Amino acid sequence: MSEEKLKKIWQEVELERDKFLKEFAYKNFYSGSKKDLILIGINKDSSKGIMIRDESGRNALPKLSSSFQIERSFIEEKKSFFITIFSKETSLHEPFTYLISLIIKNIDYGLSPTLATKEAIEKFQKLFKSFGKLPSENQIVGLLGELFFVDQILKIKNDYWKGWLKPEKTIDYTYSEIDVEIKSSSYSGEDKITINRLNQLQYIKNRSRYLYYSSFIINPDGELSVPDLVDNILSQIDDKDGFRDKLSCTKYKMGDKSLWLEKRYSHLETIVFKVDENFPRINSDSFKDNKIPDGITNIKYDLALNTINDFRVEKDQFFNNFKK
């Protein structure tokens, strides 16, 4: 909610900027007893910014990239110290809005202005820092496939993204009694799925597990990219911070958005399989005495698609499970 409120205040100040003679034209974010705690506005260089009253005026502030300006200043008009943060580049308006919303949320939680700013910047940098290069093709397509699934599941209900799990989890998506392993490839005519862990297709009694496989083809003019899917998902959900928190655990960094936009794909097809107790897999039961030999730390294998057609289910039937 704070992101929409911030955008509205900046828009109002921008429309009335000529009426202000001050270096920083602003409006109060809060009313009542907190009226002068946070000021939202635009400076004389037309840069959007925030001023946060900070009576301590002593603690060191965290560093930000050169695209932003952060400092602590004594504002004579208010007779108090303020933490001031401005965005120097209009192209970074969306990331800057997100950063400011994080600070405000932390203050609402009761953190001091300095601590609220510090923790918000740490979270912001985790998502927006730039690596200056892309991860491997497999990692890009893997994330593309997961976001493609999330985008599809949102058509049923706009909070179903919450079932998407962070990379360290053993499954990719869970809802009620349903678990989904999401796989994808960028090769036309691919006839196999790579299984990376022993328990990736583990059958669990009284739970339903599915294998959701999408194939894509590299296409410079394609309709899909990771940033496009991220933006589309964010436009449909309410808890944007929660989604960004999960996204920050992936290889995608918003600071490298322009690089990721160059990797575009077209969707070829999606196939869904029901993983029951008879589904072909390698697990501990595959070894003598149901025990994995000592010294084996990971098992990776390929599953031929033409051997699992009997386990295939229609996509509509699969998605109907989420409508119950």
Protein backbone atom coordinates (compact mmCIF):
# COMPACT_ATOMS: atom_id res chain seq x y z
CA MET A 1 0.00 0.00 0.00
CA SER A 2 2.83 2.41 0.83
CA GLU A 3 4.21 2.19 -2.75
CA GLU A 4 0.92 3.44 -4.21
CA LYS A 5 0.72 6.18 -1.57
CA LEU A 6 4.30 7.26 -2.29
CA LYS A 7 3.67 7.51 -6.03
CA LYS A 8 0.53 9.56 -5.40
CA ILE A 9 2.35 12.01 -3.09
CA TRP A 10 5.25 12.46 -5.53
CA GLN A 11 2.77 13.09 -8.32
CA GLU A 12 0.91 15.70 -6.23
CA VAL A 13 4.13 17.50 -5.26
CA GLU A 14 5.37 17.44 -8.85
CA LEU A 15 2.17 19.11 -10.06
CA GLU A 16 2.51 21.83 -7.42
CA ARG A 17 6.31 22.15 -7.50
CA ASP A 18 6.27 25.72 -8.86
CA LYS A 19 4.27 26.90 -5.83
CA PHE A 20 7.10 25.96 -3.47
CA LEU A 21 10.06 28.26 -2.87
CA LYS A 22 11.93 25.72 -0.75
CA GLU A 23 14.82 23.56 -1.95
CA PHE A 24 12.75 20.53 -1.00
CA ALA A 25 9.02 20.67 -1.82
CA TYR A 26 7.23 18.05 0.24
CA LYS A 27 4.11 16.65 1.80
CA ASN A 28 3.80 14.71 5.05
CA PHE A 29 3.47 10.96 4.70
CA TYR A 30 1.74 10.65 8.07
CA SER A 31 -0.86 12.80 9.80
CA GLY A 32 -1.59 13.37 13.47
CA SER A 33 1.16 12.85 16.06
CA LYS A 34 3.56 11.44 13.43
CA LYS A 35 2.95 14.29 11.00
CA ASP A 36 6.55 15.51 10.64
CA LEU A 37 8.26 12.12 10.97
CA ILE A 38 8.46 11.41 7.22
CA LEU A 39 8.42 14.01 4.45
CA ILE A 40 8.00 12.91 0.83
CA GLY A 41 8.86 15.27 -1.99
CA ILE A 42 11.07 16.60 -4.76
CA ASN A 43 14.22 18.72 -4.49
CA LYS A 44 15.32 21.68 -6.63
CA ASP A 45 16.89 19.27 -9.16
CA SER A 46 13.52 17.51 -9.57
CA SER A 47 14.86 14.38 -7.85
CA LYS A 48 12.35 12.37 -5.84
CA GLY A 49 13.27 11.90 -2.21
CA ILE A 50 12.39 11.27 1.41
CA MET A 51 13.34 13.01 4.65
CA ILE A 52 13.09 11.02 7.88
CA ARG A 53 13.28 12.84 11.21
CA ASP A 54 16.15 11.36 13.24
CA GLU A 55 16.69 13.01 16.62
CA SER A 56 19.83 10.99 17.36
CA GLY A 57 21.82 12.60 14.56
CA ARG A 58 24.88 10.50 15.38
CA ASN A 59 24.79 6.93 14.07
CA ALA A 60 26.57 6.22 10.79
CA LEU A 61 24.37 5.65 7.76
CA PRO A 62 24.77 2.73 5.36
CA LYS A 63 26.16 3.31 1.89
CA LEU A 64 24.11 3.30 -1.30
CA SER A 65 25.12 3.19 -4.95
CA SER A 66 26.14 6.40 -6.70
CA SER A 67 22.67 6.52 -8.26
CA PHE A 68 21.27 7.55 -4.89
CA GLN A 69 22.23 10.22 -2.39
CA ILE A 70 21.97 9.53 1.34
CA GLU A 71 23.05 11.79 4.17
CA ARG A 72 22.01 13.19 7.52
CA SER A 73 21.27 16.91 7.57
CA PHE A 74 20.05 19.48 10.08
CA ILE A 75 16.93 21.12 8.65
CA GLU A 76 16.65 24.62 10.08
CA GLU A 77 12.96 24.92 9.26
CA LYS A 78 12.15 21.82 11.34
CA LYS A 79 14.88 22.39 13.97
CA SER A 80 15.87 18.74 13.74
CA PHE A 81 18.18 16.26 12.03
CA PHE A 82 16.75 14.29 9.11
CA ILE A 83 18.00 11.33 7.11
CA THR A 84 17.63 12.42 3.49
CA ILE A 85 17.63 10.03 0.54
CA PHE A 86 17.26 11.08 -3.10
CA SER A 87 17.25 9.24 -6.41
CA LYS A 88 19.53 10.85 -8.99
CA GLU A 89 18.20 8.88 -11.96
CA THR A 90 14.60 8.90 -13.19
CA SER A 91 15.10 5.42 -14.67
CA LEU A 92 15.42 4.06 -11.12
CA HIS A 93 12.08 5.41 -9.93
CA GLU A 94 10.53 1.95 -9.39
CA PRO A 95 13.48 0.54 -7.39
CA PHE A 96 13.69 3.77 -5.39
CA THR A 97 9.97 3.59 -4.57
CA TYR A 98 10.49 0.03 -3.34
CA LEU A 99 13.43 1.09 -1.13
CA ILE A 100 11.46 3.93 0.45
CA SER A 101 8.47 1.65 1.05
CA LEU A 102 10.77 -0.77 2.90
CA ILE A 103 12.04 2.04 5.15
CA ILE A 104 8.50 3.17 5.95
CA LYS A 105 7.40 -0.38 6.67
CA ASN A 106 10.32 -0.81 9.09
CA ILE A 107 9.41 2.43 10.86
CA ASP A 108 5.81 1.22 11.12
CA TYR A 109 7.19 -1.91 12.80
CA GLY A 110 8.80 0.31 15.44
CA LEU A 111 12.42 0.43 14.27
CA SER A 112 14.43 3.60 14.80
CA PRO A 113 14.96 5.76 11.68
CA THR A 114 18.61 4.73 11.36
CA LEU A 115 17.94 1.01 11.88
CA ALA A 116 14.89 1.13 9.60
CA THR A 117 17.05 2.68 6.87
CA LYS A 118 19.94 0.26 7.41
CA GLU A 119 17.80 -2.89 7.26
CA ALA A 120 15.84 -1.64 4.25
CA ILE A 121 19.03 -0.90 2.32
CA GLU A 122 20.45 -4.35 3.13
CA LYS A 123 17.28 -6.01 1.80
CA PHE A 124 17.18 -3.69 -1.21
CA GLN A 125 20.79 -4.39 -2.17
CA LYS A 126 20.24 -8.14 -1.93
CA LEU A 127 17.68 -7.88 -4.72
CA PHE A 128 19.02 -4.98 -6.76
CA LYS A 129 22.78 -5.41 -6.66
CA SER A 130 24.36 -6.04 -10.04
CA PHE A 131 26.57 -9.00 -10.92
CA GLY A 132 27.24 -7.47 -14.34
CA LYS A 133 26.79 -10.85 -16.00
CA LEU A 134 24.19 -13.54 -16.50
CA PRO A 135 24.12 -17.01 -14.92
CA SER A 136 24.21 -20.14 -17.08
CA GLU A 137 21.56 -20.84 -19.73
CA ASN A 138 20.21 -23.73 -17.65
CA GLN A 139 19.77 -21.48 -14.61
CA ILE A 140 18.02 -18.79 -16.66
CA VAL A 141 15.61 -21.28 -18.24
CA GLY A 142 15.06 -22.98 -14.88
CA LEU A 143 13.92 -19.69 -13.34
CA LEU A 144 11.92 -18.84 -16.46
CA GLY A 145 10.03 -22.12 -16.09
CA GLU A 146 9.25 -21.51 -12.41
CA LEU A 147 8.02 -17.96 -13.04
CA PHE A 148 6.00 -19.18 -16.03
CA PHE A 149 4.24 -21.62 -13.71
CA VAL A 150 3.64 -18.93 -11.07
CA ASP A 151 2.18 -16.64 -13.73
CA GLN A 152 -0.19 -19.43 -14.79
CA ILE A 153 -1.31 -20.32 -11.26
CA LEU A 154 -2.14 -16.66 -10.55
CA LYS A 155 -4.97 -16.94 -13.08
CA ILE A 156 -6.76 -19.08 -10.51
CA LYS A 157 -6.11 -16.90 -7.46
CA ASN A 158 -3.74 -13.97 -7.06
CA ASP A 159 -2.16 -15.14 -3.80
CA TYR A 160 -1.21 -18.60 -5.10
CA TRP A 161 2.33 -17.34 -5.77
CA LYS A 162 2.96 -17.90 -2.06
CA GLY A 163 3.30 -21.63 -2.70
CA TRP A 164 6.46 -20.96 -4.72
CA LEU A 165 9.37 -22.06 -2.55
CA LYS A 166 12.91 -20.73 -2.25
CA PRO A 167 15.73 -22.49 -4.16
CA GLU A 168 17.06 -24.43 -1.17
CA LYS A 169 13.76 -26.31 -0.73
CA THR A 170 13.38 -29.86 -2.03
CA ILE A 171 10.28 -29.03 -4.09
CA ASP A 172 9.42 -25.98 -6.18
CA TYR A 173 5.78 -25.38 -5.34
CA THR A 174 3.29 -26.59 -2.76
CA TYR A 175 -0.41 -26.02 -2.15
CA SER A 176 -2.50 -27.87 0.41
CA GLU A 177 -1.75 -31.57 -0.28
CA ILE A 178 -0.21 -30.90 -3.70
CA ASP A 179 3.52 -30.68 -4.48
CA VAL A 180 4.85 -29.61 -7.87
CA GLU A 181 8.31 -30.18 -9.29
CA ILE A 182 8.88 -27.62 -12.07
CA LYS A 183 11.23 -28.48 -14.93
CA SER A 184 12.05 -26.65 -18.14
CA SER A 185 14.41 -26.69 -21.10
CA SER A 186 15.32 -24.38 -23.97
CA TYR A 187 15.91 -27.03 -26.61
CA SER A 188 13.44 -27.85 -29.34
CA GLY A 189 12.70 -31.56 -29.49
CA GLU A 190 14.21 -32.25 -26.07
CA ASP A 191 13.33 -35.83 -25.16
CA LYS A 192 14.49 -35.99 -21.57
CA ILE A 193 14.17 -34.28 -18.19
CA THR A 194 17.16 -33.98 -15.89
CA ILE A 195 16.55 -34.89 -12.24
CA ASN A 196 19.16 -33.24 -10.03
CA ARG A 197 18.55 -34.75 -6.60
CA LEU A 198 17.65 -38.11 -5.17
CA ASN A 199 14.49 -36.91 -3.40
CA GLN A 200 13.32 -34.59 -6.19
CA LEU A 201 10.62 -37.04 -7.30
CA GLN A 202 10.07 -38.64 -3.93
CA TYR A 203 6.61 -40.17 -3.50
CA ILE A 204 4.92 -39.24 -0.24
CA LYS A 205 1.81 -41.11 0.83
CA ASN A 206 -1.38 -39.02 1.14
CA ARG A 207 0.13 -36.20 -0.92
CA SER A 208 -0.18 -35.60 -4.66
CA ARG A 209 3.02 -34.85 -6.55
CA TYR A 210 3.23 -33.59 -10.12
CA LEU A 211 6.02 -32.95 -12.60
CA TYR A 212 5.33 -29.75 -14.58
CA TYR A 213 7.59 -29.59 -17.62
CA SER A 214 7.74 -26.62 -20.02
CA SER A 215 9.90 -26.33 -23.11
CA PHE A 216 11.00 -22.99 -24.55
CA ILE A 217 13.01 -21.95 -27.57
CA ILE A 218 15.47 -19.06 -27.70
CA ASN A 219 13.94 -16.26 -29.76
CA PRO A 220 15.26 -12.64 -29.80
CA ASP A 221 11.69 -11.50 -30.53
CA GLY A 222 10.08 -13.95 -28.11
CA GLU A 223 7.21 -13.02 -25.82
CA LEU A 224 8.90 -14.27 -22.65
CA SER A 225 11.80 -13.17 -20.47
CA VAL A 226 12.46 -13.41 -16.74
CA PRO A 227 12.04 -9.62 -16.15
CA ASP A 228 8.78 -9.56 -18.13
CA LEU A 229 7.36 -12.40 -16.05
CA VAL A 230 8.51 -10.72 -12.83
CA ASP A 231 6.81 -7.45 -13.81
CA ASN A 232 3.64 -9.25 -14.84
CA ILE A 233 3.48 -11.18 -11.56
CA LEU A 234 4.09 -8.05 -9.48
CA SER A 235 1.26 -6.26 -11.31
CA GLN A 236 -1.19 -8.97 -10.21
CA ILE A 237 -0.38 -9.44 -6.53
CA ASP A 238 -0.82 -7.43 -3.33
CA ASP A 239 2.16 -8.57 -1.26
CA LYS A 240 4.87 -7.34 -3.60
CA ASP A 241 7.49 -7.27 -0.84
CA GLY A 242 6.90 -10.94 -0.05
CA PHE A 243 7.37 -11.93 -3.68
CA ARG A 244 10.50 -9.79 -4.04
CA ASP A 245 11.90 -11.45 -0.91
CA LYS A 246 11.60 -14.86 -2.57
CA LEU A 247 12.94 -13.50 -5.83
CA SER A 248 16.04 -12.17 -4.04
CA CYS A 249 17.03 -15.78 -3.26
CA THR A 250 17.27 -16.61 -6.97
CA LYS A 251 19.97 -15.75 -9.51
CA TYR A 252 17.92 -12.84 -10.84
CA LYS A 253 19.08 -9.40 -9.70
CA MET A 254 17.05 -6.38 -10.76
CA GLY A 255 20.24 -4.39 -11.17
CA ASP A 256 20.97 -6.62 -14.17
CA LYS A 257 17.47 -6.32 -15.65
CA SER A 258 18.72 -4.97 -18.99
CA LEU A 259 20.99 -8.00 -19.41
CA TRP A 260 18.18 -10.42 -18.58
CA LEU A 261 15.84 -8.69 -21.03
CA GLU A 262 18.20 -9.72 -23.84
CA LYS A 263 17.47 -13.40 -23.09
CA ARG A 264 14.08 -13.87 -24.71
CA TYR A 265 12.15 -17.06 -25.40
CA SER A 266 9.00 -18.43 -26.97
CA HIS A 267 6.94 -21.08 -25.21
CA LEU A 268 6.70 -24.37 -27.08
CA GLU A 269 4.62 -26.62 -24.86
CA THR A 270 3.91 -27.68 -21.30
CA ILE A 271 3.38 -31.30 -20.23
CA VAL A 272 2.20 -32.42 -16.79
CA PHE A 273 2.86 -35.83 -15.22
CA LYS A 274 1.40 -37.40 -12.08
CA VAL A 275 4.23 -38.74 -9.90
CA ASP A 276 2.80 -41.74 -8.04
CA GLU A 277 4.47 -44.75 -6.43
CA ASN A 278 4.97 -46.39 -9.84
CA PHE A 279 6.62 -43.40 -11.50
CA PRO A 280 10.19 -44.27 -12.65
CA ARG A 281 12.81 -42.76 -10.38
CA ILE A 282 16.06 -43.46 -8.57
CA ASN A 283 15.79 -43.48 -4.79
CA SER A 284 17.21 -45.36 -1.82
CA ASP A 285 15.05 -48.40 -2.75
CA SER A 286 17.07 -48.67 -5.96
CA PHE A 287 20.14 -49.81 -4.01
CA LYS A 288 21.08 -52.94 -2.14
CA ASP A 289 19.52 -53.08 1.33
CA ASN A 290 17.69 -49.82 0.47
CA LYS A 291 20.86 -47.93 1.34
CA ILE A 292 22.79 -45.48 -0.80
CA PRO A 293 26.46 -46.56 -0.91
CA ASP A 294 28.84 -44.58 1.27
CA GLY A 295 30.68 -41.82 -0.55
CA ILE A 296 27.83 -40.91 -2.90
CA THR A 297 26.78 -37.35 -2.08
CA ASN A 298 24.52 -36.58 -5.02
CA ILE A 299 22.69 -38.46 -7.76
CA LYS A 300 21.72 -36.84 -11.06
CA TYR A 301 19.98 -38.67 -13.89
CA ASP A 302 17.94 -38.11 -17.07
CA LEU A 303 14.36 -39.26 -17.44
CA ALA A 304 13.26 -40.10 -21.00
CA LEU A 305 9.92 -38.44 -21.79
CA ASN A 306 8.76 -41.27 -24.06
CA THR A 307 8.88 -43.69 -21.12
CA ILE A 308 6.44 -41.78 -18.89
CA ASN A 309 3.50 -41.08 -21.21
CA ASP A 310 1.27 -43.31 -19.09
CA PHE A 311 1.64 -40.82 -16.23
CA ARG A 312 0.66 -37.80 -18.28
CA VAL A 313 -2.38 -35.73 -17.21
CA GLU A 314 -4.22 -32.95 -18.99
CA LYS A 315 -3.25 -29.42 -17.95
CA ASP A 316 -6.86 -28.46 -17.25
CA GLN A 317 -7.23 -31.49 -15.01
CA PHE A 318 -4.02 -30.54 -13.19
CA PHE A 319 -5.05 -26.91 -12.60
CA ASN A 320 -8.54 -27.97 -11.46
CA ASN A 321 -6.85 -29.39 -8.35
CA PHE A 322 -6.13 -25.82 -7.27
CA LYS A 323 -9.75 -24.70 -7.64
CA LYS A 324 -11.11 -27.02 -4.97
